[in-house]
């Protein structure tokens, strides 16, 4: 099944991550949600990106149509704007499928709340899952990301580019960037 701008549905991804913050987001107006979601990318990208929101039943609702191939959303407490290829990649991660052989880009200019750098399915920090919090960054997905020569260290410096989930089919580049100017 395909949806908005040919994007593969991310119902599984959204359900697993976004439901954790539904109570706090339930009272958030759509306008506030759009402002938060679009804060993930440069204005030149976010101004014409689609914005989607998960409802309490796990259904994705389009709040704003887009015309540039990017979709912005809030996933849990993380804000991101992703192109269609990165949406397909993330869908593959969440469904344990083979990732697409395409280059994708995802902006997370508000940073993230952390993730395991070795286990794509970890839901929280443990003593051995190499939890890492990265500030404002861009993610590059697909085979091209593996040609960048970035460190594959389990505990890299998150202020420098590194490969997340190295050695798994879901390996991708994390490229820290300066925070956006207000």
N, C-alpha and C. Protein backbone atom coordinates (compact mmCIF):
# COMPACT_ATOMS: atom_id res chain seq x y z
N UNK A 1 0.84 -1.17 0.00
CA UNK A 1 0.00 0.00 0.00
C UNK A 1 0.89 1.24 0.00
N UNK A 2 0.50 2.25 -0.77
CA UNK A 2 1.27 3.48 -0.83
C UNK A 2 0.33 4.63 -0.49
N UNK A 3 0.94 5.70 0.03
CA UNK A 3 0.13 6.84 0.44
C UNK A 3 0.75 8.12 -0.06
N UNK A 4 0.47 9.20 0.59
CA UNK A 4 0.92 10.55 0.31
C UNK A 4 2.29 10.59 -0.35
N UNK A 5 2.38 11.19 -1.53
CA UNK A 5 3.64 11.35 -2.27
C UNK A 5 4.37 10.02 -2.48
N UNK A 6 3.65 8.88 -2.53
CA UNK A 6 4.29 7.60 -2.75
C UNK A 6 5.04 7.08 -1.54
N UNK A 7 4.82 7.63 -0.37
CA UNK A 7 5.53 7.23 0.84
C UNK A 7 4.93 5.95 1.39
N UNK A 8 5.79 5.01 1.75
CA UNK A 8 5.35 3.78 2.38
C UNK A 8 4.78 4.13 3.74
N UNK A 9 3.65 3.56 4.13
CA UNK A 9 3.08 3.88 5.45
C UNK A 9 4.04 3.54 6.58
N UNK A 10 4.04 4.36 7.60
CA UNK A 10 4.90 4.13 8.75
C UNK A 10 4.07 3.82 9.99
N UNK A 11 2.95 3.17 9.80
CA UNK A 11 2.08 2.90 10.92
C UNK A 11 2.79 2.14 12.03
N UNK A 12 3.59 1.14 11.66
CA UNK A 12 4.29 0.35 12.68
C UNK A 12 5.28 1.24 13.43
N UNK A 13 6.08 1.99 12.69
CA UNK A 13 7.05 2.89 13.32
C UNK A 13 6.36 3.87 14.23
N UNK A 14 5.36 4.52 13.72
CA UNK A 14 4.68 5.53 14.51
C UNK A 14 4.01 4.91 15.73
N UNK A 15 3.40 3.76 15.58
CA UNK A 15 2.72 3.13 16.71
C UNK A 15 3.69 2.79 17.82
N UNK A 16 4.84 2.27 17.47
CA UNK A 16 5.81 1.86 18.49
C UNK A 16 6.40 3.05 19.22
N UNK A 17 6.67 4.12 18.51
CA UNK A 17 7.37 5.24 19.11
C UNK A 17 6.46 6.37 19.59
N UNK A 18 5.47 6.70 18.81
CA UNK A 18 4.67 7.87 19.13
C UNK A 18 3.64 7.62 20.22
N UNK A 19 3.17 6.42 20.38
CA UNK A 19 2.15 6.17 21.39
C UNK A 19 2.64 6.48 22.79
N UNK A 20 3.96 6.41 22.99
CA UNK A 20 4.52 6.71 24.30
C UNK A 20 4.25 8.14 24.73
N UNK A 21 4.11 9.04 23.79
CA UNK A 21 3.92 10.44 24.14
C UNK A 21 2.52 10.94 23.78
N UNK A 22 1.60 10.05 23.50
CA UNK A 22 0.26 10.47 23.09
C UNK A 22 -0.47 11.29 24.15
N UNK A 23 -0.32 10.92 25.41
CA UNK A 23 -1.04 11.65 26.45
C UNK A 23 -0.64 13.12 26.48
N UNK A 24 0.67 13.38 26.44
CA UNK A 24 1.11 14.77 26.48
C UNK A 24 0.79 15.49 25.18
N UNK A 25 0.76 14.79 24.06
CA UNK A 25 0.50 15.43 22.78
C UNK A 25 -0.99 15.55 22.48
N UNK A 26 -1.82 14.79 23.18
CA UNK A 26 -3.25 14.80 22.90
C UNK A 26 -3.85 16.20 23.03
N UNK A 27 -3.35 16.96 23.97
CA UNK A 27 -3.87 18.31 24.17
C UNK A 27 -3.23 19.34 23.26
N UNK A 28 -2.23 18.94 22.50
CA UNK A 28 -1.53 19.87 21.62
C UNK A 28 -2.38 20.15 20.39
N UNK A 29 -2.54 21.40 20.07
CA UNK A 29 -3.30 21.76 18.87
C UNK A 29 -2.53 21.31 17.63
N UNK A 30 -3.26 21.14 16.53
CA UNK A 30 -2.60 20.79 15.28
C UNK A 30 -1.60 21.86 14.87
N UNK A 31 -1.91 23.12 15.10
CA UNK A 31 -0.99 24.20 14.74
C UNK A 31 0.31 24.10 15.53
N UNK A 32 0.21 23.79 16.81
CA UNK A 32 1.41 23.64 17.64
C UNK A 32 2.19 22.41 17.19
N UNK A 33 1.49 21.33 16.90
CA UNK A 33 2.14 20.10 16.42
C UNK A 33 2.90 20.38 15.12
N UNK A 34 2.26 21.07 14.19
CA UNK A 34 2.91 21.40 12.91
C UNK A 34 4.17 22.21 13.17
N UNK A 35 4.10 23.19 14.06
CA UNK A 35 5.27 24.01 14.38
C UNK A 35 6.39 23.15 14.95
N UNK A 36 6.05 22.22 15.83
CA UNK A 36 7.08 21.35 16.41
C UNK A 36 7.66 20.42 15.36
N UNK A 37 6.81 19.79 14.58
CA UNK A 37 7.28 18.83 13.58
C UNK A 37 8.19 19.50 12.54
N UNK A 38 7.80 20.68 12.11
CA UNK A 38 8.57 21.35 11.06
C UNK A 38 9.85 21.98 11.59
N UNK A 39 10.02 22.03 12.91
CA UNK A 39 11.26 22.56 13.47
C UNK A 39 12.43 21.61 13.23
N UNK A 40 12.15 20.42 12.71
CA UNK A 40 13.19 19.42 12.48
C UNK A 40 14.05 19.70 11.27
N UNK A 41 13.58 20.53 10.35
CA UNK A 41 14.30 20.74 9.09
C UNK A 41 14.51 22.22 8.81
N UNK A 42 15.43 22.51 7.89
CA UNK A 42 15.59 23.92 7.48
C UNK A 42 14.27 24.44 6.91
N UNK A 43 14.04 25.71 7.08
CA UNK A 43 12.81 26.34 6.61
C UNK A 43 12.55 26.05 5.13
N UNK A 44 13.60 26.04 4.32
CA UNK A 44 13.45 25.77 2.89
C UNK A 44 12.87 24.38 2.63
N UNK A 45 13.07 23.44 3.54
CA UNK A 45 12.50 22.10 3.42
C UNK A 45 11.15 22.04 4.12
N UNK A 46 11.08 22.51 5.35
CA UNK A 46 9.87 22.32 6.15
C UNK A 46 8.67 23.16 5.67
N UNK A 47 8.93 24.29 5.02
CA UNK A 47 7.82 25.14 4.58
C UNK A 47 6.90 24.46 3.58
N UNK A 48 7.43 23.52 2.79
CA UNK A 48 6.60 22.86 1.78
C UNK A 48 6.52 21.35 1.99
N UNK A 49 6.90 20.89 3.20
CA UNK A 49 6.83 19.47 3.53
C UNK A 49 5.43 19.11 4.02
N UNK A 50 5.05 17.86 3.81
CA UNK A 50 3.82 17.35 4.41
C UNK A 50 4.04 17.21 5.91
N UNK A 51 2.97 17.26 6.68
CA UNK A 51 3.05 17.01 8.12
C UNK A 51 1.99 15.96 8.45
N UNK A 52 2.42 14.90 9.14
CA UNK A 52 1.50 13.84 9.55
C UNK A 52 1.52 13.70 11.06
N UNK A 53 0.41 13.21 11.59
CA UNK A 53 0.27 13.05 13.04
C UNK A 53 -0.47 11.74 13.33
N UNK A 54 0.03 11.03 14.32
CA UNK A 54 -0.60 9.79 14.75
C UNK A 54 -1.73 10.11 15.72
N UNK A 55 -2.89 9.48 15.51
CA UNK A 55 -3.98 9.68 16.46
C UNK A 55 -3.90 8.63 17.57
N UNK A 56 -4.80 8.70 18.53
CA UNK A 56 -4.74 7.81 19.70
C UNK A 56 -4.92 6.34 19.35
N UNK A 57 -5.49 6.06 18.16
CA UNK A 57 -5.69 4.68 17.72
C UNK A 57 -4.57 4.16 16.83
N UNK A 58 -3.54 4.99 16.63
CA UNK A 58 -2.42 4.57 15.82
C UNK A 58 -2.57 4.85 14.33
N UNK A 59 -3.59 5.59 13.96
CA UNK A 59 -3.79 5.93 12.56
C UNK A 59 -3.08 7.23 12.24
N UNK A 60 -2.45 7.26 11.06
CA UNK A 60 -1.74 8.46 10.65
C UNK A 60 -2.72 9.39 9.91
N UNK A 61 -2.66 10.65 10.31
CA UNK A 61 -3.53 11.67 9.72
C UNK A 61 -2.66 12.76 9.12
N UNK A 62 -2.96 13.14 7.89
CA UNK A 62 -2.22 14.23 7.25
C UNK A 62 -2.79 15.55 7.73
N UNK A 63 -1.94 16.35 8.36
CA UNK A 63 -2.36 17.68 8.82
C UNK A 63 -2.14 18.73 7.74
N UNK A 64 -1.11 18.49 6.93
CA UNK A 64 -0.80 19.44 5.88
C UNK A 64 -0.16 18.67 4.73
N UNK A 65 -0.69 18.88 3.54
CA UNK A 65 -0.11 18.26 2.35
C UNK A 65 1.20 18.98 2.02
N UNK A 66 2.08 18.28 1.38
CA UNK A 66 3.36 18.87 0.98
C UNK A 66 3.59 18.68 -0.51
N UNK A 67 4.63 19.34 -1.00
CA UNK A 67 4.93 19.19 -2.43
C UNK A 67 6.42 19.05 -2.72
N UNK A 68 7.22 18.75 -1.70
CA UNK A 68 8.66 18.62 -1.93
C UNK A 68 9.21 17.23 -1.63
N UNK A 69 8.35 16.26 -1.34
CA UNK A 69 8.80 14.90 -1.07
C UNK A 69 9.22 14.63 0.36
N UNK A 70 9.16 15.64 1.23
CA UNK A 70 9.51 15.45 2.65
C UNK A 70 8.24 15.38 3.48
N UNK A 71 8.31 14.61 4.56
CA UNK A 71 7.22 14.50 5.52
C UNK A 71 7.79 14.77 6.91
N UNK A 72 7.16 15.67 7.65
CA UNK A 72 7.60 16.01 9.00
C UNK A 72 6.63 15.40 10.01
N UNK A 73 7.16 14.99 11.15
CA UNK A 73 6.35 14.37 12.19
C UNK A 73 7.07 14.45 13.52
N UNK A 74 6.34 14.19 14.57
CA UNK A 74 6.92 14.03 15.90
C UNK A 74 6.80 12.55 16.22
N UNK A 75 7.93 11.91 16.50
CA UNK A 75 7.96 10.47 16.80
C UNK A 75 8.41 10.35 18.25
N UNK A 76 7.49 9.99 19.12
CA UNK A 76 7.79 10.03 20.55
C UNK A 76 7.99 11.48 20.94
N UNK A 77 9.19 11.82 21.32
CA UNK A 77 9.51 13.23 21.60
C UNK A 77 10.47 13.80 20.57
N UNK A 78 10.86 12.97 19.59
CA UNK A 78 11.79 13.41 18.55
C UNK A 78 11.03 13.99 17.36
N UNK A 79 11.60 15.04 16.81
CA UNK A 79 11.01 15.70 15.64
C UNK A 79 11.87 15.37 14.44
N UNK A 80 11.23 15.01 13.31
CA UNK A 80 11.99 14.68 12.11
C UNK A 80 11.24 15.04 10.84
N UNK A 81 12.02 15.35 9.80
CA UNK A 81 11.49 15.57 8.46
C UNK A 81 12.29 14.66 7.54
N UNK A 82 11.60 13.77 6.86
CA UNK A 82 12.26 12.73 6.09
C UNK A 82 11.76 12.69 4.66
N UNK A 83 12.68 12.35 3.75
CA UNK A 83 12.26 12.16 2.36
C UNK A 83 11.66 10.76 2.22
N UNK A 84 11.09 10.48 1.05
CA UNK A 84 10.41 9.21 0.83
C UNK A 84 11.34 8.02 1.01
N UNK A 85 12.59 8.13 0.54
CA UNK A 85 13.52 7.01 0.67
C UNK A 85 13.87 6.71 2.12
N UNK A 86 14.03 7.75 2.94
CA UNK A 86 14.33 7.48 4.34
C UNK A 86 13.10 6.95 5.07
N UNK A 87 11.92 7.37 4.66
CA UNK A 87 10.70 6.80 5.25
C UNK A 87 10.62 5.30 4.94
N UNK A 88 10.97 4.93 3.71
CA UNK A 88 11.00 3.51 3.35
C UNK A 88 12.03 2.76 4.19
N UNK A 89 13.20 3.37 4.39
CA UNK A 89 14.26 2.75 5.19
C UNK A 89 13.75 2.51 6.62
N UNK A 90 13.17 3.53 7.23
CA UNK A 90 12.69 3.40 8.61
C UNK A 90 11.56 2.37 8.70
N UNK A 91 10.73 2.31 7.68
CA UNK A 91 9.67 1.30 7.66
C UNK A 91 10.30 -0.10 7.64
N UNK A 92 11.38 -0.27 6.86
CA UNK A 92 12.07 -1.57 6.82
C UNK A 92 12.63 -1.93 8.19
N UNK A 93 13.20 -0.95 8.89
CA UNK A 93 13.72 -1.22 10.24
C UNK A 93 12.59 -1.73 11.13
N UNK A 94 11.48 -1.02 11.14
CA UNK A 94 10.40 -1.35 12.06
C UNK A 94 9.70 -2.66 11.71
N UNK A 95 9.77 -3.08 10.47
CA UNK A 95 9.12 -4.33 10.06
C UNK A 95 10.13 -5.46 9.87
N UNK A 96 11.38 -5.21 10.27
CA UNK A 96 12.45 -6.20 10.16
C UNK A 96 12.63 -6.66 8.71
N UNK A 97 12.43 -5.77 7.77
CA UNK A 97 12.55 -6.09 6.35
C UNK A 97 13.89 -5.60 5.80
N UNK A 98 14.21 -6.02 4.61
CA UNK A 98 15.42 -5.56 3.94
C UNK A 98 15.25 -4.09 3.58
N UNK A 99 16.22 -3.25 3.96
CA UNK A 99 16.08 -1.82 3.64
C UNK A 99 16.22 -1.58 2.13
N UNK A 100 15.62 -0.50 1.65
CA UNK A 100 15.71 -0.20 0.21
C UNK A 100 17.14 0.15 -0.18
N UNK A 101 17.46 -0.09 -1.42
CA UNK A 101 18.79 0.22 -1.97
C UNK A 101 18.74 1.62 -2.57
N UNK A 102 18.39 2.59 -1.73
CA UNK A 102 18.21 3.97 -2.17
C UNK A 102 18.82 4.89 -1.12
N UNK A 103 19.30 6.04 -1.56
CA UNK A 103 19.82 7.04 -0.63
C UNK A 103 18.65 7.87 -0.11
N UNK A 104 18.61 8.05 1.20
CA UNK A 104 17.57 8.85 1.83
C UNK A 104 18.17 9.86 2.79
N UNK A 105 17.42 10.93 3.05
CA UNK A 105 17.85 12.00 3.93
C UNK A 105 16.75 12.29 4.93
N UNK A 106 17.14 12.43 6.19
CA UNK A 106 16.20 12.79 7.24
C UNK A 106 16.84 13.85 8.12
N UNK A 107 16.11 14.92 8.38
CA UNK A 107 16.58 16.01 9.24
C UNK A 107 16.05 15.82 10.65
N UNK A 108 16.92 16.03 11.63
CA UNK A 108 16.53 16.06 13.04
C UNK A 108 17.27 17.23 13.68
N UNK A 109 16.93 18.44 13.26
CA UNK A 109 17.65 19.62 13.70
C UNK A 109 17.33 20.02 15.14
N UNK A 110 16.37 19.33 15.77
CA UNK A 110 16.11 19.55 17.19
C UNK A 110 16.86 18.51 18.02
N UNK A 111 17.65 17.65 17.37
CA UNK A 111 18.36 16.60 18.08
C UNK A 111 17.43 15.44 18.40
N UNK A 112 17.91 14.54 19.24
CA UNK A 112 17.08 13.40 19.64
C UNK A 112 17.23 13.14 21.13
N UNK A 113 16.39 12.27 21.63
CA UNK A 113 16.43 11.91 23.04
C UNK A 113 17.27 10.67 23.30
N UNK A 114 17.92 10.17 22.27
CA UNK A 114 18.82 9.05 22.42
C UNK A 114 18.27 7.75 21.85
N UNK A 115 19.22 6.86 21.54
CA UNK A 115 18.90 5.53 21.00
C UNK A 115 20.13 4.67 21.20
N UNK A 116 19.92 3.37 21.15
CA UNK A 116 21.06 2.46 21.18
C UNK A 116 21.83 2.64 19.88
N UNK A 117 23.14 2.66 19.97
CA UNK A 117 23.95 2.76 18.76
C UNK A 117 24.26 1.39 18.17
N UNK A 118 23.82 0.32 18.84
CA UNK A 118 24.11 -1.02 18.35
C UNK A 118 22.87 -1.87 18.12
N UNK A 119 21.76 -1.53 18.73
CA UNK A 119 20.54 -2.34 18.64
C UNK A 119 19.39 -1.49 18.10
N UNK A 120 19.00 -1.71 16.85
CA UNK A 120 17.92 -0.91 16.27
C UNK A 120 16.58 -1.06 17.01
N UNK A 121 16.45 -2.11 17.82
CA UNK A 121 15.16 -2.37 18.47
C UNK A 121 15.15 -2.06 19.96
N UNK A 122 16.23 -1.51 20.47
CA UNK A 122 16.28 -1.14 21.89
C UNK A 122 15.30 0.00 22.15
N UNK A 123 14.58 -0.10 23.25
CA UNK A 123 13.60 0.94 23.59
C UNK A 123 14.04 1.79 24.77
N UNK A 124 15.18 1.46 25.34
CA UNK A 124 15.70 2.23 26.46
C UNK A 124 17.15 1.89 26.72
N UNK A 125 17.79 2.72 27.50
CA UNK A 125 19.20 2.57 27.82
C UNK A 125 19.42 1.38 28.75
N UNK A 126 20.44 0.59 28.41
CA UNK A 126 20.87 -0.50 29.28
C UNK A 126 22.38 -0.37 29.47
N UNK A 127 22.94 -1.22 30.31
CA UNK A 127 24.37 -1.15 30.58
C UNK A 127 25.22 -1.50 29.36
N UNK A 128 24.66 -2.22 28.41
CA UNK A 128 25.49 -2.67 27.29
C UNK A 128 24.95 -2.36 25.89
N UNK A 129 23.98 -1.45 25.77
CA UNK A 129 23.47 -1.19 24.42
C UNK A 129 23.99 0.11 23.80
N UNK A 130 25.01 0.70 24.40
CA UNK A 130 25.72 1.83 23.80
C UNK A 130 24.77 2.97 23.44
N UNK A 131 24.01 3.43 24.43
CA UNK A 131 23.04 4.51 24.26
C UNK A 131 23.76 5.80 23.88
N UNK A 132 23.23 6.50 22.93
CA UNK A 132 23.87 7.73 22.46
C UNK A 132 22.80 8.78 22.19
N UNK A 133 23.08 10.00 22.61
CA UNK A 133 22.19 11.14 22.36
C UNK A 133 22.93 12.06 21.40
N UNK A 134 22.28 12.39 20.31
CA UNK A 134 22.91 13.23 19.30
C UNK A 134 22.14 14.54 19.20
N UNK A 135 22.85 15.64 19.21
CA UNK A 135 22.24 16.95 19.05
C UNK A 135 21.69 17.11 17.63
N UNK A 136 21.51 18.32 17.16
CA UNK A 136 20.99 18.54 15.81
C UNK A 136 21.82 17.75 14.79
N UNK A 137 21.12 17.01 13.92
CA UNK A 137 21.84 16.19 12.94
C UNK A 137 20.99 15.90 11.71
N UNK A 138 21.68 15.39 10.71
CA UNK A 138 21.06 14.88 9.49
C UNK A 138 21.43 13.40 9.42
N UNK A 139 20.49 12.58 9.00
CA UNK A 139 20.78 11.16 8.80
C UNK A 139 20.80 10.88 7.30
N UNK A 140 21.79 10.10 6.88
CA UNK A 140 21.89 9.66 5.49
C UNK A 140 21.71 8.15 5.50
N UNK A 141 20.73 7.67 4.74
CA UNK A 141 20.40 6.24 4.70
C UNK A 141 20.83 5.65 3.36
N UNK A 142 20.97 4.35 3.34
CA UNK A 142 21.25 3.63 2.11
C UNK A 142 22.72 3.35 1.90
N UNK A 143 23.03 2.61 0.84
CA UNK A 143 24.41 2.20 0.57
C UNK A 143 25.39 3.37 0.50
N UNK A 144 24.97 4.52 -0.01
CA UNK A 144 25.88 5.66 -0.12
C UNK A 144 26.44 6.08 1.24
N UNK A 145 25.65 5.90 2.30
CA UNK A 145 26.12 6.32 3.63
C UNK A 145 27.33 5.51 4.07
N UNK A 146 27.43 4.27 3.60
CA UNK A 146 28.53 3.39 4.00
C UNK A 146 29.84 3.73 3.29
N UNK A 147 29.80 4.61 2.32
CA UNK A 147 31.01 4.98 1.59
C UNK A 147 31.67 6.23 2.14
N UNK A 148 31.12 6.80 3.20
CA UNK A 148 31.61 8.06 3.74
C UNK A 148 32.86 7.91 4.62
N UNK A 149 33.18 6.69 5.01
CA UNK A 149 34.37 6.46 5.82
C UNK A 149 34.23 6.91 7.26
N UNK A 150 33.02 6.93 7.79
CA UNK A 150 32.78 7.39 9.15
C UNK A 150 33.08 6.28 10.16
N UNK A 151 33.38 6.69 11.38
CA UNK A 151 33.66 5.72 12.44
C UNK A 151 32.45 4.81 12.66
N UNK A 152 32.77 3.56 12.95
CA UNK A 152 31.74 2.59 13.30
C UNK A 152 31.85 2.21 14.78
N UNK A 153 32.50 3.05 15.55
CA UNK A 153 32.68 2.81 16.99
C UNK A 153 31.33 2.65 17.67
N UNK A 154 31.28 1.78 18.66
CA UNK A 154 30.03 1.57 19.40
C UNK A 154 29.69 2.78 20.28
N UNK A 155 30.71 3.50 20.74
CA UNK A 155 30.51 4.67 21.58
C UNK A 155 31.22 5.88 20.97
N UNK A 156 30.74 6.36 19.82
CA UNK A 156 31.42 7.47 19.15
C UNK A 156 31.14 8.81 19.84
N UNK A 157 31.92 9.80 19.45
CA UNK A 157 31.67 11.16 19.90
C UNK A 157 30.47 11.68 19.09
N UNK A 158 29.31 11.94 19.74
CA UNK A 158 28.12 12.34 19.00
C UNK A 158 28.18 13.77 18.44
N UNK A 159 29.28 14.46 18.68
CA UNK A 159 29.44 15.79 18.08
C UNK A 159 30.17 15.69 16.74
N UNK A 160 30.56 14.46 16.37
CA UNK A 160 31.25 14.21 15.11
C UNK A 160 30.47 13.15 14.32
N UNK A 161 30.58 13.16 12.99
CA UNK A 161 29.85 12.16 12.19
C UNK A 161 30.23 10.73 12.58
N UNK A 162 29.24 9.84 12.56
CA UNK A 162 29.45 8.44 12.88
C UNK A 162 28.39 7.58 12.22
N UNK A 163 28.63 6.28 12.20
CA UNK A 163 27.66 5.33 11.66
C UNK A 163 26.86 4.75 12.82
N UNK A 164 25.56 4.83 12.71
CA UNK A 164 24.68 4.22 13.71
C UNK A 164 24.30 2.83 13.22
N UNK A 165 24.20 1.92 14.16
CA UNK A 165 23.82 0.53 13.91
C UNK A 165 24.78 -0.16 12.95
N UNK A 166 26.07 0.19 13.05
CA UNK A 166 27.10 -0.39 12.19
C UNK A 166 27.05 -1.91 12.24
N UNK A 167 27.25 -2.53 11.10
CA UNK A 167 27.27 -3.98 11.01
C UNK A 167 25.89 -4.61 10.89
N UNK A 168 24.84 -3.80 10.93
CA UNK A 168 23.49 -4.32 10.73
C UNK A 168 23.01 -3.86 9.35
N UNK A 169 21.94 -4.45 8.85
CA UNK A 169 21.41 -3.98 7.56
C UNK A 169 20.91 -2.54 7.63
N UNK A 170 20.73 -2.04 8.85
CA UNK A 170 20.14 -0.72 9.05
C UNK A 170 21.18 0.36 9.37
N UNK A 171 22.43 0.07 9.11
CA UNK A 171 23.50 1.04 9.31
C UNK A 171 23.20 2.31 8.50
N UNK A 172 23.42 3.45 9.14
CA UNK A 172 23.22 4.74 8.46
C UNK A 172 24.11 5.80 9.10
N UNK A 173 24.34 6.87 8.36
CA UNK A 173 25.23 7.94 8.82
C UNK A 173 24.47 8.96 9.65
N UNK A 174 25.11 9.37 10.74
CA UNK A 174 24.62 10.44 11.60
C UNK A 174 25.59 11.60 11.45
N UNK A 175 25.10 12.71 10.94
CA UNK A 175 25.94 13.87 10.65
C UNK A 175 25.50 15.04 11.52
N UNK A 176 26.20 15.31 12.64
CA UNK A 176 25.84 16.46 13.47
C UNK A 176 26.00 17.77 12.70
N UNK A 177 25.11 18.71 12.98
CA UNK A 177 25.15 20.02 12.34
C UNK A 177 24.92 21.10 13.40
N UNK A 178 25.23 22.31 13.05
CA UNK A 178 24.97 23.43 13.97
C UNK A 178 23.46 23.59 14.12
N UNK A 179 23.00 23.97 15.30
CA UNK A 179 21.55 24.17 15.50
C UNK A 179 21.04 25.24 14.54
N UNK A 180 19.77 25.11 14.13
CA UNK A 180 19.21 26.13 13.23
C UNK A 180 19.11 27.48 13.92
N UNK A 181 19.25 28.54 13.14
CA UNK A 181 19.11 29.89 13.67
C UNK A 181 17.63 30.21 13.76
N UNK A 182 17.27 30.85 14.83
CA UNK A 182 15.86 31.20 15.06
C UNK A 182 15.48 32.41 14.26
